[in-house]
C-alpha cells in the first residue's frame, strides 16, 4: 500500500468534499471491519469535512512534511562547493575512478536489478526487519514496468566499476519523486564515504542541468532529507476507522511521535 507516496482522489473541484465522503461511506459500509488509510494526501485536496460531527469521531488526520529540493533555488548550485560534499567525493576519488550517470538501457537495468534488490533488502532488513523484494519478488516487476514505460529516472554511482549507490524514482514532467522506486547504497562504505549523500547531490545537479523543477525527497522523518530540502510542504495521513481501539491507538502513537520529533529524535 506504500508503493504510491501520495494517495489522493480525483474529482471536479466543486465536488471534491462530497465525492470523497460518499466514496468513503460506501467503502466503510462494504468493509466495516477494516480501516481506511490514505498516506499521504496533498494540498489542495479538501479535508475540512473531517471536522464534521459525523466524521470527527472516527477520522484522524496526521500532519507530516515532505521535503522538496527546488532546482532553481540558488543553494542547489552551491552544493558541490560545500565542504561536506567535497570531503566525501574526494574519499571516493582516492579509491579509484568515480562514475555517476543515468541508466536508460533496459539491458543494463536488468543486469543490475539483482544486486540492487539484495542491497536494498539488506539495509531495510537491518533497519526495519523488512525484506521487500525477497518476500515479494513481484515488486521488481512493478519497478521494471515503470522503467519500460519511461516513468523511472534511474541513476547509479560507481567506483572502479563497483556499484556504490543507486536511486530509481518516478519522473513526471519536471518533477522527480523518490517514491515508487528505491534509493539504496552499499553498507560497506556507508559511514565513512556516505555514497547515498554523494549521489543525491550529484543527482540534484543533473536534474538542474536538464531543467527539472523539483526533486521530491518524500516524507519519512530522515534528517538528511530535511537538511537538504529548500522548502517543505504539509501532507496528511487520513485514517478512518470504526474501531475505537484503533482510533485511540493511532491518536496516542501520533502524539508520541510528535513528542519525539520535537525532542530531536527519530
C-alpha atoms as a PDB file:
ATOM      1  CA  UNK A   1       0.000   0.000   0.000  1.00  0.00           C
ATOM      2  CA  UNK A   2       3.029   2.301   0.200  1.00  0.00           C
ATOM      3  CA  UNK A   3       4.094   1.980  -3.440  1.00  0.00           C
ATOM      4  CA  UNK A   4       2.288   5.263  -4.076  1.00  0.00           C
ATOM      5  CA  UNK A   5       3.714   8.066  -1.966  1.00  0.00           C
ATOM      6  CA  UNK A   6       0.659  10.273  -2.365  1.00  0.00           C
ATOM      7  CA  UNK A   7      -2.795   8.727  -2.211  1.00  0.00           C
ATOM      8  CA  UNK A   8      -5.374  11.269  -3.328  1.00  0.00           C
ATOM      9  CA  UNK A   9      -8.664  11.238  -5.195  1.00  0.00           C
ATOM     10  CA  UNK A  10      -9.797  12.836  -8.454  1.00  0.00           C
ATOM     11  CA  UNK A  11     -12.982  14.845  -8.788  1.00  0.00           C
ATOM     12  CA  UNK A  12     -14.326  18.131 -10.056  1.00  0.00           C
ATOM     13  CA  UNK A  13     -13.199  20.906  -7.672  1.00  0.00           C
ATOM     14  CA  UNK A  14     -16.742  21.777  -6.647  1.00  0.00           C
ATOM     15  CA  UNK A  15     -17.472  18.143  -5.777  1.00  0.00           C
ATOM     16  CA  UNK A  16     -14.212  17.268  -4.011  1.00  0.00           C
ATOM     17  CA  UNK A  17     -15.534  17.003  -0.450  1.00  0.00           C
ATOM     18  CA  UNK A  18     -18.874  15.473  -1.439  1.00  0.00           C
ATOM     19  CA  UNK A  19     -17.257  12.864  -3.654  1.00  0.00           C
ATOM     20  CA  UNK A  20     -14.753  11.600  -1.076  1.00  0.00           C
ATOM     21  CA  UNK A  21     -17.361  11.482   1.699  1.00  0.00           C
ATOM     22  CA  UNK A  22     -19.741   9.451  -0.460  1.00  0.00           C
ATOM     23  CA  UNK A  23     -16.922   7.155  -1.570  1.00  0.00           C
ATOM     24  CA  UNK A  24     -15.639   6.544   1.963  1.00  0.00           C
ATOM     25  CA  UNK A  25     -19.135   5.970   3.264  1.00  0.00           C
ATOM     26  CA  UNK A  26     -19.693   3.238   0.680  1.00  0.00           C
ATOM     27  CA  UNK A  27     -16.334   1.576   1.313  1.00  0.00           C
ATOM     28  CA  UNK A  28     -16.808   1.581   5.099  1.00  0.00           C
ATOM     29  CA  UNK A  29     -20.291   0.159   4.688  1.00  0.00           C
ATOM     30  CA  UNK A  30     -19.000  -2.668   2.495  1.00  0.00           C
ATOM     31  CA  UNK A  31     -15.972  -3.394   4.727  1.00  0.00           C
ATOM     32  CA  UNK A  32     -16.951  -2.322   8.275  1.00  0.00           C
ATOM     33  CA  UNK A  33     -14.172  -4.354   9.959  1.00  0.00           C
ATOM     34  CA  UNK A  34     -11.396  -2.603   8.050  1.00  0.00           C
ATOM     35  CA  UNK A  35      -9.804   0.786   8.484  1.00  0.00           C
ATOM     36  CA  UNK A  36      -9.009   3.115   5.595  1.00  0.00           C
ATOM     37  CA  UNK A  37      -5.584   4.705   5.476  1.00  0.00           C
ATOM     38  CA  UNK A  38      -4.629   7.266   2.812  1.00  0.00           C
ATOM     39  CA  UNK A  39      -0.924   8.115   3.017  1.00  0.00           C
ATOM     40  CA  UNK A  40      -0.196  10.896   2.051  1.00  0.00           C
ATOM     41  CA  UNK A  41      -2.916  13.325   0.931  1.00  0.00           C
ATOM     42  CA  UNK A  42      -1.528  16.508  -0.603  1.00  0.00           C
ATOM     43  CA  UNK A  43      -2.895  20.019  -0.920  1.00  0.00           C
ATOM     44  CA  UNK A  44      -5.269  21.233  -2.264  1.00  0.00           C
ATOM     45  CA  UNK A  45      -7.376  18.131  -1.530  1.00  0.00           C
ATOM     46  CA  UNK A  46     -10.326  19.266   0.645  1.00  0.00           C
ATOM     47  CA  UNK A  47     -10.100  17.984   4.236  1.00  0.00           C
ATOM     48  CA  UNK A  48     -12.294  20.424   6.131  1.00  0.00           C
ATOM     49  CA  UNK A  49     -15.117  17.868   6.233  1.00  0.00           C
ATOM     50  CA  UNK A  50     -13.178  15.675   8.701  1.00  0.00           C
ATOM     51  CA  UNK A  51     -14.204  18.108  11.462  1.00  0.00           C
ATOM     52  CA  UNK A  52     -17.908  17.496  10.865  1.00  0.00           C
ATOM     53  CA  UNK A  53     -19.583  15.683  13.790  1.00  0.00           C
ATOM     54  CA  UNK A  54     -20.459  12.691  11.644  1.00  0.00           C
ATOM     55  CA  UNK A  55     -16.807  12.126  10.712  1.00  0.00           C
ATOM     56  CA  UNK A  56     -14.830  13.554  13.603  1.00  0.00           C
ATOM     57  CA  UNK A  57     -15.413  10.570  15.924  1.00  0.00           C
ATOM     58  CA  UNK A  58     -13.872   8.075  13.516  1.00  0.00           C
ATOM     59  CA  UNK A  59     -11.468  10.163  11.453  1.00  0.00           C
ATOM     60  CA  UNK A  60      -7.872  11.139  12.251  1.00  0.00           C
ATOM     61  CA  UNK A  61      -5.628  13.481  10.281  1.00  0.00           C
ATOM     62  CA  UNK A  62      -1.885  13.298  10.966  1.00  0.00           C
ATOM     63  CA  UNK A  63       0.287  16.066   9.558  1.00  0.00           C
ATOM     64  CA  UNK A  64       3.722  15.363   8.076  1.00  0.00           C
ATOM     65  CA  UNK A  65       6.035  17.331   5.845  1.00  0.00           C
ATOM     66  CA  UNK A  66       7.516  16.443   2.509  1.00  0.00           C
ATOM     67  CA  UNK A  67      10.963  17.932   1.886  1.00  0.00           C
ATOM     68  CA  UNK A  68      11.489  19.405  -1.561  1.00  0.00           C
ATOM     69  CA  UNK A  69      14.642  20.422  -3.379  1.00  0.00           C
ATOM     70  CA  UNK A  70      13.814  23.224  -5.811  1.00  0.00           C
ATOM     71  CA  UNK A  71      16.287  23.143  -8.663  1.00  0.00           C
ATOM     72  CA  UNK A  72      16.088  26.900  -9.276  1.00  0.00           C
ATOM     73  CA  UNK A  73      16.973  27.724  -5.681  1.00  0.00           C
ATOM     74  CA  UNK A  74      20.438  29.386  -5.580  1.00  0.00           C
ATOM     75  CA  UNK A  75      21.576  26.995  -2.854  1.00  0.00           C
ATOM     76  CA  UNK A  76      21.363  23.982  -5.215  1.00  0.00           C
ATOM     77  CA  UNK A  77      24.239  25.168  -7.415  1.00  0.00           C
ATOM     78  CA  UNK A  78      26.354  25.700  -4.299  1.00  0.00           C
ATOM     79  CA  UNK A  79      26.027  22.123  -3.036  1.00  0.00           C
ATOM     80  CA  UNK A  80      29.095  20.968  -4.975  1.00  0.00           C
ATOM     81  CA  UNK A  81      31.200  23.534  -3.127  1.00  0.00           C
ATOM     82  CA  UNK A  82      30.116  22.529   0.356  1.00  0.00           C
ATOM     83  CA  UNK A  83      32.924  21.177   2.495  1.00  0.00           C
ATOM     84  CA  UNK A  84      30.988  18.052   3.438  1.00  0.00           C
ATOM     85  CA  UNK A  85      30.391  17.064  -0.188  1.00  0.00           C
ATOM     86  CA  UNK A  86      33.986  17.786  -1.212  1.00  0.00           C
ATOM     87  CA  UNK A  87      35.276  15.661   1.643  1.00  0.00           C
ATOM     88  CA  UNK A  88      33.045  12.714   0.742  1.00  0.00           C
ATOM     89  CA  UNK A  89      33.618  12.820  -3.023  1.00  0.00           C
ATOM     90  CA  UNK A  90      37.392  13.094  -2.532  1.00  0.00           C
ATOM     91  CA  UNK A  91      37.330   9.976  -0.386  1.00  0.00           C
ATOM     92  CA  UNK A  92      35.649   8.167  -3.277  1.00  0.00           C
ATOM     93  CA  UNK A  93      38.199   9.512  -5.746  1.00  0.00           C
ATOM     94  CA  UNK A  94      41.036   8.191  -3.636  1.00  0.00           C
ATOM     95  CA  UNK A  95      39.551   4.724  -4.100  1.00  0.00           C
ATOM     96  CA  UNK A  96      39.611   4.989  -7.887  1.00  0.00           C
ATOM     97  CA  UNK A  97      37.589   6.211 -10.871  1.00  0.00           C
ATOM     98  CA  UNK A  98      34.222   7.707  -9.846  1.00  0.00           C
ATOM     99  CA  UNK A  99      31.343   7.360 -12.294  1.00  0.00           C
ATOM    100  CA  UNK A 100      27.867   8.850 -11.897  1.00  0.00           C
ATOM    101  CA  UNK A 101      25.335   8.548 -14.680  1.00  0.00           C
ATOM    102  CA  UNK A 102      21.756   7.893 -15.649  1.00  0.00           C
ATOM    103  CA  UNK A 103      20.732   4.394 -16.758  1.00  0.00           C
ATOM    104  CA  UNK A 104      18.398   4.389 -19.765  1.00  0.00           C
ATOM    105  CA  UNK A 105      19.203   0.989 -21.299  1.00  0.00           C
ATOM    106  CA  UNK A 106      16.791  -1.818 -20.355  1.00  0.00           C
ATOM    107  CA  UNK A 107      19.501  -4.483 -20.564  1.00  0.00           C
ATOM    108  CA  UNK A 108      21.743  -2.556 -18.182  1.00  0.00           C
ATOM    109  CA  UNK A 109      18.851  -2.050 -15.773  1.00  0.00           C
ATOM    110  CA  UNK A 110      18.067  -5.773 -15.770  1.00  0.00           C
ATOM    111  CA  UNK A 111      21.732  -6.646 -15.252  1.00  0.00           C
ATOM    112  CA  UNK A 112      21.758  -4.511 -12.109  1.00  0.00           C
ATOM    113  CA  UNK A 113      18.418  -5.461 -10.602  1.00  0.00           C
ATOM    114  CA  UNK A 114      19.543  -8.499  -8.578  1.00  0.00           C
ATOM    115  CA  UNK A 115      22.441  -6.631  -6.965  1.00  0.00           C
ATOM    116  CA  UNK A 116      20.216  -3.620  -6.272  1.00  0.00           C
ATOM    117  CA  UNK A 117      17.408  -5.595  -4.651  1.00  0.00           C
ATOM    118  CA  UNK A 118      19.824  -7.510  -2.410  1.00  0.00           C
ATOM    119  CA  UNK A 119      21.496  -4.251  -1.380  1.00  0.00           C
ATOM    120  CA  UNK A 120      18.115  -2.630  -0.714  1.00  0.00           C
ATOM    121  CA  UNK A 121      16.766  -5.544   1.339  1.00  0.00           C
ATOM    122  CA  UNK A 122      20.000  -5.805   3.335  1.00  0.00           C
ATOM    123  CA  UNK A 123      19.644  -2.225   4.593  1.00  0.00           C
ATOM    124  CA  UNK A 124      15.867  -2.351   5.051  1.00  0.00           C
ATOM    125  CA  UNK A 125      16.138  -5.683   6.838  1.00  0.00           C
ATOM    126  CA  UNK A 126      18.693  -4.294   9.266  1.00  0.00           C
ATOM    127  CA  UNK A 127      16.728  -1.096   9.950  1.00  0.00           C
ATOM    128  CA  UNK A 128      13.100  -2.254   9.858  1.00  0.00           C
ATOM    129  CA  UNK A 129      13.140  -6.065   9.682  1.00  0.00           C
ATOM    130  CA  UNK A 130      11.632  -5.832   6.186  1.00  0.00           C
ATOM    131  CA  UNK A 131      12.818  -7.647   3.055  1.00  0.00           C
ATOM    132  CA  UNK A 132      10.506  -6.203   0.454  1.00  0.00           C
ATOM    133  CA  UNK A 133      11.971  -7.747  -2.686  1.00  0.00           C
ATOM    134  CA  UNK A 134      12.880 -11.111  -1.174  1.00  0.00           C
ATOM    135  CA  UNK A 135       9.415 -11.514   0.371  1.00  0.00           C
ATOM    136  CA  UNK A 136       7.588 -10.220  -2.705  1.00  0.00           C
ATOM    137  CA  UNK A 137       9.559 -10.847  -5.932  1.00  0.00           C
ATOM    138  CA  UNK A 138       6.759  -9.269  -7.972  1.00  0.00           C
ATOM    139  CA  UNK A 139       7.875  -5.844  -6.715  1.00  0.00           C
ATOM    140  CA  UNK A 140      10.747  -5.845  -9.188  1.00  0.00           C
ATOM    141  CA  UNK A 141       8.217  -6.477 -11.969  1.00  0.00           C
ATOM    142  CA  UNK A 142       6.465  -3.283 -10.900  1.00  0.00           C
ATOM    143  CA  UNK A 143       9.746  -1.324 -10.981  1.00  0.00           C
ATOM    144  CA  UNK A 144      10.598  -2.844 -14.357  1.00  0.00           C
ATOM    145  CA  UNK A 145       7.180  -1.869 -15.746  1.00  0.00           C
ATOM    146  CA  UNK A 146       7.732   1.742 -14.669  1.00  0.00           C
ATOM    147  CA  UNK A 147      11.151   1.687 -16.332  1.00  0.00           C
ATOM    148  CA  UNK A 148       9.756   0.174 -19.557  1.00  0.00           C
ATOM    149  CA  UNK A 149       7.131   2.925 -19.767  1.00  0.00           C
ATOM    150  CA  UNK A 150       9.682   5.668 -19.365  1.00  0.00           C
ATOM    151  CA  UNK A 151       8.342   6.708 -15.968  1.00  0.00           C
ATOM    152  CA  UNK A 152      11.513   5.938 -13.995  1.00  0.00           C
ATOM    153  CA  UNK A 153      14.572   8.108 -13.530  1.00  0.00           C
ATOM    154  CA  UNK A 154      17.408   5.770 -12.636  1.00  0.00           C
ATOM    155  CA  UNK A 155      20.960   6.808 -11.704  1.00  0.00           C
ATOM    156  CA  UNK A 156      23.922   4.928 -10.254  1.00  0.00           C
ATOM    157  CA  UNK A 157      27.199   5.815  -8.559  1.00  0.00           C
ATOM    158  CA  UNK A 158      30.179   3.534  -9.173  1.00  0.00           C
ATOM    159  CA  UNK A 159      33.823   3.472  -8.129  1.00  0.00           C
ATOM    160  CA  UNK A 160      36.132   1.397 -10.360  1.00  0.00           C
ATOM    161  CA  UNK A 161      33.003  -0.127 -11.860  1.00  0.00           C
ATOM    162  CA  UNK A 162      31.699  -1.308  -8.480  1.00  0.00           C
ATOM    163  CA  UNK A 163      28.211  -0.178  -7.525  1.00  0.00           C
ATOM    164  CA  UNK A 164      28.165   2.228  -4.565  1.00  0.00           C
ATOM    165  CA  UNK A 165      24.669   3.709  -4.675  1.00  0.00           C
ATOM    166  CA  UNK A 166      21.546   3.814  -6.805  1.00  0.00           C
ATOM    167  CA  UNK A 167      18.394   5.918  -6.970  1.00  0.00           C
ATOM    168  CA  UNK A 168      15.386   4.881  -9.009  1.00  0.00           C
ATOM    169  CA  UNK A 169      12.438   7.253  -8.711  1.00  0.00           C
ATOM    170  CA  UNK A 170       9.412   8.282 -10.710  1.00  0.00           C
ATOM    171  CA  UNK A 171       9.737  11.242 -13.057  1.00  0.00           C
ATOM    172  CA  UNK A 172       6.679  13.153 -14.159  1.00  0.00           C
ATOM    173  CA  UNK A 173       7.012  16.274 -16.279  1.00  0.00           C
ATOM    174  CA  UNK A 174       9.564  18.429 -14.463  1.00  0.00           C
ATOM    175  CA  UNK A 175       9.351  16.669 -11.068  1.00  0.00           C
ATOM    176  CA  UNK A 176      11.194  13.624  -9.778  1.00  0.00           C
ATOM    177  CA  UNK A 177       9.926  11.599  -6.827  1.00  0.00           C
ATOM    178  CA  UNK A 178      11.948   9.229  -4.671  1.00  0.00           C
ATOM    179  CA  UNK A 179       8.826   7.163  -4.079  1.00  0.00           C
ATOM    180  CA  UNK A 180       7.636   4.177  -6.130  1.00  0.00           C
ATOM    181  CA  UNK A 181      11.193   3.020  -6.682  1.00  0.00           C
ATOM    182  CA  UNK A 182      14.185   2.633  -4.431  1.00  0.00           C
ATOM    183  CA  UNK A 183      17.106   4.519  -3.006  1.00  0.00           C
ATOM    184  CA  UNK A 184      19.958   2.409  -1.691  1.00  0.00           C
ATOM    185  CA  UNK A 185      23.701   2.327  -1.188  1.00  0.00           C
ATOM    186  CA  UNK A 186      26.449  -0.088  -0.243  1.00  0.00           C
ATOM    187  CA  UNK A 187      26.508  -0.754   3.512  1.00  0.00           C
ATOM    188  CA  UNK A 188      30.239  -1.429   3.434  1.00  0.00           C
ATOM    189  CA  UNK A 189      31.187   2.220   2.838  1.00  0.00           C
ATOM    190  CA  UNK A 190      28.151   3.938   4.275  1.00  0.00           C
ATOM    191  CA  UNK A 191      29.645   5.556   7.375  1.00  0.00           C
ATOM    192  CA  UNK A 192      32.922   6.990   6.050  1.00  0.00           C
ATOM    193  CA  UNK A 193      32.065   7.606   2.388  1.00  0.00           C
ATOM    194  CA  UNK A 194      28.299   8.356   2.514  1.00  0.00           C
ATOM    195  CA  UNK A 195      27.663   7.224  -1.084  1.00  0.00           C
ATOM    196  CA  UNK A 196      23.927   7.884  -0.777  1.00  0.00           C
ATOM    197  CA  UNK A 197      24.530  11.504   0.205  1.00  0.00           C
ATOM    198  CA  UNK A 198      27.058  11.974  -2.602  1.00  0.00           C
ATOM    199  CA  UNK A 199      24.654  10.577  -5.166  1.00  0.00           C
ATOM    200  CA  UNK A 200      21.776  12.829  -4.100  1.00  0.00           C
ATOM    201  CA  UNK A 201      23.992  15.895  -4.565  1.00  0.00           C
ATOM    202  CA  UNK A 202      25.124  14.704  -7.998  1.00  0.00           C
ATOM    203  CA  UNK A 203      21.542  13.857  -8.926  1.00  0.00           C
ATOM    204  CA  UNK A 204      20.354  17.343  -7.992  1.00  0.00           C
ATOM    205  CA  UNK A 205      22.980  18.865 -10.298  1.00  0.00           C
ATOM    206  CA  UNK A 206      21.920  16.605 -13.170  1.00  0.00           C
ATOM    207  CA  UNK A 207      18.233  17.430 -12.698  1.00  0.00           C
ATOM    208  CA  UNK A 208      19.008  21.160 -12.575  1.00  0.00           C
ATOM    209  CA  UNK A 209      21.042  20.868 -15.781  1.00  0.00           C
ATOM    210  CA  UNK A 210      18.132  19.106 -17.501  1.00  0.00           C
ATOM    211  CA  UNK A 211      15.698  21.831 -16.478  1.00  0.00           C
ATOM    212  CA  UNK A 212      13.743  19.856 -13.883  1.00  0.00           C
ATOM    213  CA  UNK A 213      11.943  21.946 -11.269  1.00  0.00           C
ATOM    214  CA  UNK A 214      11.728  19.831  -8.131  1.00  0.00           C
ATOM    215  CA  UNK A 215      13.270  16.745  -6.543  1.00  0.00           C
ATOM    216  CA  UNK A 216      10.695  15.423  -4.080  1.00  0.00           C
ATOM    217  CA  UNK A 217      12.618  13.619  -1.331  1.00  0.00           C
ATOM    218  CA  UNK A 218       9.297  12.333   0.133  1.00  0.00           C
ATOM    219  CA  UNK A 219       8.337  12.056   3.771  1.00  0.00           C
ATOM    220  CA  UNK A 220       9.885   9.620   6.197  1.00  0.00           C
ATOM    221  CA  UNK A 221      11.485  11.577   9.009  1.00  0.00           C
ATOM    222  CA  UNK A 222      15.040  11.211   7.698  1.00  0.00           C
ATOM    223  CA  UNK A 223      17.087  14.120   8.990  1.00  0.00           C
ATOM    224  CA  UNK A 224      19.275  14.248   5.873  1.00  0.00           C
ATOM    225  CA  UNK A 225      16.171  14.998   3.779  1.00  0.00           C
ATOM    226  CA  UNK A 226      15.177  17.961   5.923  1.00  0.00           C
ATOM    227  CA  UNK A 227      18.746  19.212   5.846  1.00  0.00           C
ATOM    228  CA  UNK A 228      18.938  19.102   2.039  1.00  0.00           C
ATOM    229  CA  UNK A 229      15.470  20.488   1.311  1.00  0.00           C
ATOM    230  CA  UNK A 230      14.955  24.066   0.173  1.00  0.00           C
ATOM    231  CA  UNK A 231      11.340  24.080   1.375  1.00  0.00           C
ATOM    232  CA  UNK A 232       8.725  21.828   2.984  1.00  0.00           C
ATOM    233  CA  UNK A 233       5.047  21.213   2.285  1.00  0.00           C
ATOM    234  CA  UNK A 234       2.438  19.753   4.616  1.00  0.00           C
ATOM    235  CA  UNK A 235       0.951  16.387   3.652  1.00  0.00           C
ATOM    236  CA  UNK A 236      -1.660  14.443   5.581  1.00  0.00           C
ATOM    237  CA  UNK A 237      -2.292  10.873   6.651  1.00  0.00           C
ATOM    238  CA  UNK A 238      -6.042  10.363   6.564  1.00  0.00           C
ATOM    239  CA  UNK A 239      -7.291   7.484   8.731  1.00  0.00           C
ATOM    240  CA  UNK A 240     -10.911   6.354   9.026  1.00  0.00           C
ATOM    241  CA  UNK A 241     -11.949   3.543  11.307  1.00  0.00           C
ATOM    242  CA  UNK A 242     -14.992   2.063  13.030  1.00  0.00           C
ATOM    243  CA  UNK A 243     -12.782   0.718  15.831  1.00  0.00           C
ATOM    244  CA  UNK A 244     -12.420   2.840  18.975  1.00  0.00           C
ATOM    245  CA  UNK A 245      -9.384   0.786  19.973  1.00  0.00           C
ATOM    246  CA  UNK A 246      -7.587   1.516  16.702  1.00  0.00           C
ATOM    247  CA  UNK A 247      -8.630   5.175  16.850  1.00  0.00           C
ATOM    248  CA  UNK A 248      -7.134   5.638  20.318  1.00  0.00           C
ATOM    249  CA  UNK A 249      -4.006   3.668  19.445  1.00  0.00           C
ATOM    250  CA  UNK A 250      -3.317   5.828  16.365  1.00  0.00           C
ATOM    251  CA  UNK A 251      -4.039   9.012  18.307  1.00  0.00           C
ATOM    252  CA  UNK A 252      -1.589   8.115  21.085  1.00  0.00           C
ATOM    253  CA  UNK A 253       1.007   6.959  18.535  1.00  0.00           C
ATOM    254  CA  UNK A 254       0.816  10.271  16.686  1.00  0.00           C
ATOM    255  CA  UNK A 255       1.125  12.287  19.882  1.00  0.00           C
ATOM    256  CA  UNK A 256       4.160  10.250  20.951  1.00  0.00           C
ATOM    257  CA  UNK A 257       5.849  10.687  17.570  1.00  0.00           C
ATOM    258  CA  UNK A 258       5.196  14.434  17.769  1.00  0.00           C
ATOM    259  CA  UNK A 259       6.919  14.496  21.162  1.00  0.00           C
ATOM    260  CA  UNK A 260       9.927  12.584  19.817  1.00  0.00           C
ATOM    261  CA  UNK A 261      10.226  14.896  16.812  1.00  0.00           C
ATOM    262  CA  UNK A 262      10.229  17.990  18.997  1.00  0.00           C
ATOM    263  CA  UNK A 263      12.906  16.347  21.134  1.00  0.00           C
ATOM    264  CA  UNK A 264      15.065  15.853  18.029  1.00  0.00           C
ATOM    265  CA  UNK A 265      14.701  12.079  17.955  1.00  0.00           C
ATOM    266  CA  UNK A 266      13.656   9.748  15.141  1.00  0.00           C
END
